[in-house]
Amino acid sequence: MKAKVTVMLKDGVLDPQGEAVRHALSAMGFDEVEGVRQGKLIELDLAKGTTEADIVAMCEKLLANTVIESYRIEM
């Protein structure tokens, strides 16, 4: 079984990497980009019987810093 976890900074948290990407795109002539938020995608290959609750526990304990990041799970 596979699961995808998308981790993003919460709204209101500064995203210096996203801002650097936005600035670089602007310098390349892509002025239509008004904002960029950068995150990470984690793909998990899971053993049969792994539950969504198990994945939530993984996110809460390791994969996301829940103080400043949110996450979304896709099974």
PDB file of N, CA and C in Angstrom:
ATOM      1  N   MET A   1       0.850  -1.181   0.000  1.00  0.00           N
ATOM      2  CA  MET A   1       0.000   0.000   0.000  1.00  0.00           C
ATOM      3  C   MET A   1       0.892   1.240   0.000  1.00  0.00           C
ATOM      4  N   LYS A   2       0.451   2.256  -0.690  1.00  0.00           N
ATOM      5  CA  LYS A   2       1.196   3.510  -0.745  1.00  0.00           C
ATOM      6  C   LYS A   2       0.363   4.627  -0.155  1.00  0.00           C
ATOM      7  N   ALA A   3       1.060   5.577   0.442  1.00  0.00           N
ATOM      8  CA  ALA A   3       0.408   6.787   0.930  1.00  0.00           C
ATOM      9  C   ALA A   3       1.304   7.962   0.580  1.00  0.00           C
ATOM     10  N   LYS A   4       0.675   9.094   0.326  1.00  0.00           N
ATOM     11  CA  LYS A   4       1.406  10.339   0.077  1.00  0.00           C
ATOM     12  C   LYS A   4       1.044  11.314   1.184  1.00  0.00           C
ATOM     13  N   VAL A   5       2.074  11.929   1.744  1.00  0.00           N
ATOM     14  CA  VAL A   5       1.881  12.948   2.774  1.00  0.00           C
ATOM     15  C   VAL A   5       2.441  14.251   2.226  1.00  0.00           C
ATOM     16  N   THR A   6       1.596  15.258   2.133  1.00  0.00           N
ATOM     17  CA  THR A   6       2.023  16.585   1.695  1.00  0.00           C
ATOM     18  C   THR A   6       2.123  17.469   2.931  1.00  0.00           C
ATOM     19  N   VAL A   7       3.295  18.040   3.136  1.00  0.00           N
ATOM     20  CA  VAL A   7       3.547  18.892   4.295  1.00  0.00           C
ATOM     21  C   VAL A   7       3.801  20.315   3.801  1.00  0.00           C
ATOM     22  N   MET A   8       3.055  21.259   4.350  1.00  0.00           N
ATOM     23  CA  MET A   8       3.194  22.670   3.961  1.00  0.00           C
ATOM     24  C   MET A   8       3.265  23.533   5.210  1.00  0.00           C
ATOM     25  N   LEU A   9       3.936  24.676   5.086  1.00  0.00           N
ATOM     26  CA  LEU A   9       3.911  25.649   6.173  1.00  0.00           C
ATOM     27  C   LEU A   9       2.492  26.173   6.343  1.00  0.00           C
ATOM     28  N   LYS A  10       2.098  26.398   7.566  1.00  0.00           N
ATOM     29  CA  LYS A  10       0.770  26.943   7.831  1.00  0.00           C
ATOM     30  C   LYS A  10       0.681  28.374   7.318  1.00  0.00           C
ATOM     31  N   ASP A  11      -0.548  28.816   7.018  1.00  0.00           N
ATOM     32  CA  ASP A  11      -0.759  30.205   6.612  1.00  0.00           C
ATOM     33  C   ASP A  11      -0.242  31.121   7.720  1.00  0.00           C
ATOM     34  N   GLY A  12       0.406  32.185   7.322  1.00  0.00           N
ATOM     35  CA  GLY A  12       0.927  33.145   8.287  1.00  0.00           C
ATOM     36  C   GLY A  12       2.364  32.884   8.694  1.00  0.00           C
ATOM     37  N   VAL A  13       2.894  31.695   8.377  1.00  0.00           N
ATOM     38  CA  VAL A  13       4.295  31.384   8.677  1.00  0.00           C
ATOM     39  C   VAL A  13       5.127  31.817   7.473  1.00  0.00           C
ATOM     40  N   LEU A  14       6.168  32.589   7.718  1.00  0.00           N
ATOM     41  CA  LEU A  14       7.023  33.052   6.631  1.00  0.00           C
ATOM     42  C   LEU A  14       7.670  31.873   5.926  1.00  0.00           C
ATOM     43  N   ASP A  15       7.771  31.973   4.605  1.00  0.00           N
ATOM     44  CA  ASP A  15       8.326  30.909   3.775  1.00  0.00           C
ATOM     45  C   ASP A  15       9.485  31.477   2.958  1.00  0.00           C
ATOM     46  N   PRO A  16      10.692  31.532   3.539  1.00  0.00           N
ATOM     47  CA  PRO A  16      11.819  32.122   2.810  1.00  0.00           C
ATOM     48  C   PRO A  16      12.183  31.367   1.535  1.00  0.00           C
ATOM     49  N   GLN A  17      12.039  30.047   1.521  1.00  0.00           N
ATOM     50  CA  GLN A  17      12.326  29.291   0.292  1.00  0.00           C
ATOM     51  C   GLN A  17      11.324  29.643  -0.800  1.00  0.00           C
ATOM     52  N   GLY A  18      10.065  29.712  -0.432  1.00  0.00           N
ATOM     53  CA  GLY A  18       9.046  30.096  -1.390  1.00  0.00           C
ATOM     54  C   GLY A  18       9.279  31.490  -1.941  1.00  0.00           C
ATOM     55  N   GLU A  19       9.676  32.408  -1.072  1.00  0.00           N
ATOM     56  CA  GLU A  19       9.952  33.776  -1.509  1.00  0.00           C
ATOM     57  C   GLU A  19      11.161  33.817  -2.437  1.00  0.00           C
ATOM     58  N   ALA A  20      12.182  33.004  -2.166  1.00  0.00           N
ATOM     59  CA  ALA A  20      13.356  32.942  -3.042  1.00  0.00           C
ATOM     60  C   ALA A  20      12.965  32.411  -4.420  1.00  0.00           C
ATOM     61  N   VAL A  21      12.096  31.417  -4.465  1.00  0.00           N
ATOM     62  CA  VAL A  21      11.624  30.877  -5.748  1.00  0.00           C
ATOM     63  C   VAL A  21      10.818  31.935  -6.488  1.00  0.00           C
ATOM     64  N   ARG A  22       9.914  32.631  -5.774  1.00  0.00           N
ATOM     65  CA  ARG A  22       9.121  33.686  -6.402  1.00  0.00           C
ATOM     66  C   ARG A  22      10.026  34.761  -6.988  1.00  0.00           C
ATOM     67  N   HIS A  23      11.045  35.163  -6.229  1.00  0.00           N
ATOM     68  CA  HIS A  23      11.974  36.196  -6.693  1.00  0.00           C
ATOM     69  C   HIS A  23      12.731  35.721  -7.931  1.00  0.00           C
ATOM     70  N   ALA A  24      13.205  34.476  -7.919  1.00  0.00           N
ATOM     71  CA  ALA A  24      13.935  33.938  -9.070  1.00  0.00           C
ATOM     72  C   ALA A  24      13.041  33.867 -10.305  1.00  0.00           C
ATOM     73  N   LEU A  25      11.797  33.437 -10.122  1.00  0.00           N
ATOM     74  CA  LEU A  25      10.866  33.401 -11.261  1.00  0.00           C
ATOM     75  C   LEU A  25      10.642  34.797 -11.830  1.00  0.00           C
ATOM     76  N   SER A  26      10.508  35.777 -10.952  1.00  0.00           N
ATOM     77  CA  SER A  26      10.333  37.158 -11.392  1.00  0.00           C
ATOM     78  C   SER A  26      11.547  37.626 -12.180  1.00  0.00           C
ATOM     79  N   ALA A  27      12.742  37.292 -11.701  1.00  0.00           N
ATOM     80  CA  ALA A  27      13.975  37.677 -12.388  1.00  0.00           C
ATOM     81  C   ALA A  27      14.081  37.020 -13.764  1.00  0.00           C
ATOM     82  N   MET A  28      13.400  35.875 -13.935  1.00  0.00           N
ATOM     83  CA  MET A  28      13.411  35.175 -15.228  1.00  0.00           C
ATOM     84  C   MET A  28      12.294  35.650 -16.143  1.00  0.00           C
ATOM     85  N   GLY A  29      11.531  36.649 -15.687  1.00  0.00           N
ATOM     86  CA  GLY A  29      10.490  37.216 -16.523  1.00  0.00           C
ATOM     87  C   GLY A  29       9.096  36.692 -16.240  1.00  0.00           C
ATOM     88  N   PHE A  30       8.948  35.846 -15.253  1.00  0.00           N
ATOM     89  CA  PHE A  30       7.626  35.305 -14.903  1.00  0.00           C
ATOM     90  C   PHE A  30       6.974  36.193 -13.849  1.00  0.00           C
ATOM     91  N   ASP A  31       6.607  37.396 -14.264  1.00  0.00           N
ATOM     92  CA  ASP A  31       6.063  38.391 -13.341  1.00  0.00           C
ATOM     93  C   ASP A  31       4.638  38.091 -12.898  1.00  0.00           C
ATOM     94  N   GLU A  32       3.980  37.137 -13.549  1.00  0.00           N
ATOM     95  CA  GLU A  32       2.604  36.812 -13.174  1.00  0.00           C
ATOM     96  C   GLU A  32       2.524  36.016 -11.865  1.00  0.00           C
ATOM     97  N   VAL A  33       3.660  35.506 -11.380  1.00  0.00           N
ATOM     98  CA  VAL A  33       3.668  34.744 -10.123  1.00  0.00           C
ATOM     99  C   VAL A  33       3.707  35.738  -8.969  1.00  0.00           C
ATOM    100  N   GLU A  34       2.644  35.747  -8.186  1.00  0.00           N
ATOM    101  CA  GLU A  34       2.531  36.696  -7.074  1.00  0.00           C
ATOM    102  C   GLU A  34       2.944  36.104  -5.736  1.00  0.00           C
ATOM    103  N   GLY A  35       2.981  34.787  -5.638  1.00  0.00           N
ATOM    104  CA  GLY A  35       3.365  34.160  -4.387  1.00  0.00           C
ATOM    105  C   GLY A  35       3.698  32.693  -4.596  1.00  0.00           C
ATOM    106  N   VAL A  36       4.605  32.185  -3.774  1.00  0.00           N
ATOM    107  CA  VAL A  36       5.000  30.777  -3.831  1.00  0.00           C
ATOM    108  C   VAL A  36       5.081  30.255  -2.404  1.00  0.00           C
ATOM    109  N   ARG A  37       4.500  29.093  -2.171  1.00  0.00           N
ATOM    110  CA  ARG A  37       4.639  28.378  -0.905  1.00  0.00           C
ATOM    111  C   ARG A  37       5.305  27.058  -1.243  1.00  0.00           C
ATOM    112  N   GLN A  38       6.398  26.764  -0.598  1.00  0.00           N
ATOM    113  CA  GLN A  38       7.115  25.530  -0.878  1.00  0.00           C
ATOM    114  C   GLN A  38       6.858  24.537   0.246  1.00  0.00           C
ATOM    115  N   GLY A  39       6.687  23.289  -0.113  1.00  0.00           N
ATOM    116  CA  GLY A  39       6.459  22.242   0.869  1.00  0.00           C
ATOM    117  C   GLY A  39       7.231  20.997   0.502  1.00  0.00           C
ATOM    118  N   LYS A  40       6.790  19.883   1.048  1.00  0.00           N
ATOM    119  CA  LYS A  40       7.450  18.621   0.719  1.00  0.00           C
ATOM    120  C   LYS A  40       6.404  17.535   0.544  1.00  0.00           C
ATOM    121  N   LEU A  41       6.726  16.593  -0.334  1.00  0.00           N
ATOM    122  CA  LEU A  41       5.881  15.439  -0.584  1.00  0.00           C
ATOM    123  C   LEU A  41       6.651  14.212  -0.123  1.00  0.00           C
ATOM    124  N   ILE A  42       6.033  13.418   0.733  1.00  0.00           N
ATOM    125  CA  ILE A  42       6.656  12.202   1.242  1.00  0.00           C
ATOM    126  C   ILE A  42       5.801  11.032   0.789  1.00  0.00           C
ATOM    127  N   GLU A  43       6.412  10.101   0.054  1.00  0.00           N
ATOM    128  CA  GLU A  43       5.714   8.904  -0.390  1.00  0.00           C
ATOM    129  C   GLU A  43       6.127   7.750   0.505  1.00  0.00           C
ATOM    130  N   LEU A  44       5.142   7.064   1.045  1.00  0.00           N
ATOM    131  CA  LEU A  44       5.394   5.952   1.949  1.00  0.00           C
ATOM    132  C   LEU A  44       4.937   4.647   1.312  1.00  0.00           C
ATOM    133  N   ASP A  45       5.794   3.642   1.311  1.00  0.00           N
ATOM    134  CA  ASP A  45       5.405   2.282   0.952  1.00  0.00           C
ATOM    135  C   ASP A  45       5.123   1.579   2.273  1.00  0.00           C
ATOM    136  N   LEU A  46       3.887   1.167   2.458  1.00  0.00           N
ATOM    137  CA  LEU A  46       3.451   0.659   3.754  1.00  0.00           C
ATOM    138  C   LEU A  46       3.068  -0.811   3.696  1.00  0.00           C
ATOM    139  N   ALA A  47       3.265  -1.478   4.811  1.00  0.00           N
ATOM    140  CA  ALA A  47       2.861  -2.876   4.931  1.00  0.00           C
ATOM    141  C   ALA A  47       1.340  -2.972   4.963  1.00  0.00           C
ATOM    142  N   LYS A  48       0.836  -4.100   4.501  1.00  0.00           N
ATOM    143  CA  LYS A  48      -0.596  -4.350   4.541  1.00  0.00           C
ATOM    144  C   LYS A  48      -1.070  -4.244   5.987  1.00  0.00           C
ATOM    145  N   GLY A  49      -2.213  -3.603   6.176  1.00  0.00           N
ATOM    146  CA  GLY A  49      -2.759  -3.458   7.518  1.00  0.00           C
ATOM    147  C   GLY A  49      -2.418  -2.136   8.185  1.00  0.00           C
ATOM    148  N   THR A  50      -1.545  -1.329   7.555  1.00  0.00           N
ATOM    149  CA  THR A  50      -1.233  -0.014   8.104  1.00  0.00           C
ATOM    150  C   THR A  50      -2.478   0.863   7.983  1.00  0.00           C
ATOM    151  N   THR A  51      -2.833   1.533   9.046  1.00  0.00           N
ATOM    152  CA  THR A  51      -4.048   2.347   9.044  1.00  0.00           C
ATOM    153  C   THR A  51      -3.719   3.817   8.862  1.00  0.00           C
ATOM    154  N   GLU A  52      -4.738   4.583   8.551  1.00  0.00           N
ATOM    155  CA  GLU A  52      -4.546   6.025   8.452  1.00  0.00           C
ATOM    156  C   GLU A  52      -4.130   6.595   9.815  1.00  0.00           C
ATOM    157  N   ALA A  53      -4.624   6.018  10.886  1.00  0.00           N
ATOM    158  CA  ALA A  53      -4.220   6.457  12.229  1.00  0.00           C
ATOM    159  C   ALA A  53      -2.719   6.257  12.430  1.00  0.00           C
ATOM    160  N   ASP A  54      -2.159   5.179  11.869  1.00  0.00           N
ATOM    161  CA  ASP A  54      -0.714   4.958  11.948  1.00  0.00           C
ATOM    162  C   ASP A  54       0.037   6.074  11.224  1.00  0.00           C
ATOM    163  N   ILE A  55      -0.476   6.457  10.068  1.00  0.00           N
ATOM    164  CA  ILE A  55       0.182   7.514   9.279  1.00  0.00           C
ATOM    165  C   ILE A  55       0.064   8.856  10.001  1.00  0.00           C
ATOM    166  N   VAL A  56      -1.083   9.125  10.582  1.00  0.00           N
ATOM    167  CA  VAL A  56      -1.247  10.355  11.363  1.00  0.00           C
ATOM    168  C   VAL A  56      -0.216  10.388  12.487  1.00  0.00           C
ATOM    169  N   ALA A  57      -0.016   9.261  13.162  1.00  0.00           N
ATOM    170  CA  ALA A  57       0.979   9.205  14.236  1.00  0.00           C
ATOM    171  C   ALA A  57       2.378   9.493  13.693  1.00  0.00           C
ATOM    172  N   MET A  58       2.696   8.972  12.511  1.00  0.00           N
ATOM    173  CA  MET A  58       3.998   9.248  11.888  1.00  0.00           C
ATOM    174  C   MET A  58       4.162  10.738  11.626  1.00  0.00           C
ATOM    175  N   CYS A  59       3.097  11.360  11.119  1.00  0.00           N
ATOM    176  CA  CYS A  59       3.143  12.792  10.824  1.00  0.00           C
ATOM    177  C   CYS A  59       3.325  13.607  12.105  1.00  0.00           C
ATOM    178  N   GLU A  60       2.554  13.271  13.106  1.00  0.00           N
ATOM    179  CA  GLU A  60       2.588  14.022  14.357  1.00  0.00           C
ATOM    180  C   GLU A  60       3.928  13.882  15.080  1.00  0.00           C
ATOM    181  N   LYS A  61       4.563  12.714  14.952  1.00  0.00           N
ATOM    182  CA  LYS A  61       5.801  12.454  15.683  1.00  0.00           C
ATOM    183  C   LYS A  61       7.062  12.804  14.919  1.00  0.00           C
ATOM    184  N   LEU A  62       7.018  12.760  13.563  1.00  0.00           N
ATOM    185  CA  LEU A  62       8.256  12.941  12.813  1.00  0.00           C
ATOM    186  C   LEU A  62       8.123  13.743  11.526  1.00  0.00           C
ATOM    187  N   LEU A  63       7.146  13.417  10.708  1.00  0.00           N
ATOM    188  CA  LEU A  63       7.128  13.941   9.343  1.00  0.00           C
ATOM    189  C   LEU A  63       6.783  15.418   9.246  1.00  0.00           C
ATOM    190  N   ALA A  64       6.035  15.950  10.200  1.00  0.00           N
ATOM    191  CA  ALA A  64       5.643  17.363  10.160  1.00  0.00           C
ATOM    192  C   ALA A  64       5.904  18.001  11.524  1.00  0.00           C
ATOM    193  N   ASN A  65       6.350  19.239  11.477  1.00  0.00           N
ATOM    194  CA  ASN A  65       6.456  20.049  12.689  1.00  0.00           C
ATOM    195  C   ASN A  65       5.107  20.743  12.835  1.00  0.00           C
ATOM    196  N   THR A  66       4.224  20.157  13.627  1.00  0.00           N
ATOM    197  CA  THR A  66       2.833  20.612  13.656  1.00  0.00           C
ATOM    198  C   THR A  66       2.647  21.992  14.276  1.00  0.00           C
ATOM    199  N   VAL A  67       3.703  22.561  14.831  1.00  0.00           N
ATOM    200  CA  VAL A  67       3.623  23.933  15.327  1.00  0.00           C
ATOM    201  C   VAL A  67       3.519  24.897  14.147  1.00  0.00           C
ATOM    202  N   ILE A  68       4.293  24.623  13.094  1.00  0.00           N
ATOM    203  CA  ILE A  68       4.342  25.552  11.961  1.00  0.00           C
ATOM    204  C   ILE A  68       3.901  24.926  10.642  1.00  0.00           C
ATOM    205  N   GLU A  69       3.676  23.609  10.621  1.00  0.00           N
ATOM    206  CA  GLU A  69       3.324  22.935   9.376  1.00  0.00           C
ATOM    207  C   GLU A  69       1.998  22.195   9.510  1.00  0.00           C
ATOM    208  N   SER A  70       1.309  22.093   8.388  1.00  0.00           N
ATOM    209  CA  SER A  70       0.117  21.253   8.305  1.00  0.00           C
ATOM    210  C   SER A  70       0.440  20.126   7.328  1.00  0.00           C
ATOM    211  N   TYR A  71      -0.370  19.085   7.352  1.00  0.00           N
ATOM    212  CA  TYR A  71      -0.134  17.972   6.445  1.00  0.00           C
ATOM    213  C   TYR A  71      -1.450  17.424   5.930  1.00  0.00           C
ATOM    214  N   ARG A  72      -1.354  16.769   4.762  1.00  0.00           N
ATOM    215  CA  ARG A  72      -2.503  16.134   4.137  1.00  0.00           C
ATOM    216  C   ARG A  72      -2.079  14.722   3.721  1.00  0.00           C
ATOM    217  N   ILE A  73      -2.917  13.757   3.999  1.00  0.00           N
ATOM    218  CA  ILE A  73      -2.605  12.351   3.687  1.00  0.00           C
ATOM    219  C   ILE A  73      -3.506  11.893   2.536  1.00  0.00           C
ATOM    220  N   GLU A  74      -2.879  11.241   1.558  1.00  0.00           N
ATOM    221  CA  GLU A  74      -3.621  10.604   0.464  1.00  0.00           C
ATOM    222  C   GLU A  74      -3.251   9.135   0.468  1.00  0.00           C
ATOM    223  N   MET A  75      -4.263   8.281   0.510  1.00  0.00           N
ATOM    224  CA  MET A  75      -4.021   6.826   0.520  1.00  0.00           C
ATOM    225  C   MET A  75      -4.107   6.304  -0.900  1.00  0.00           C
TER     226      MET A  75
END
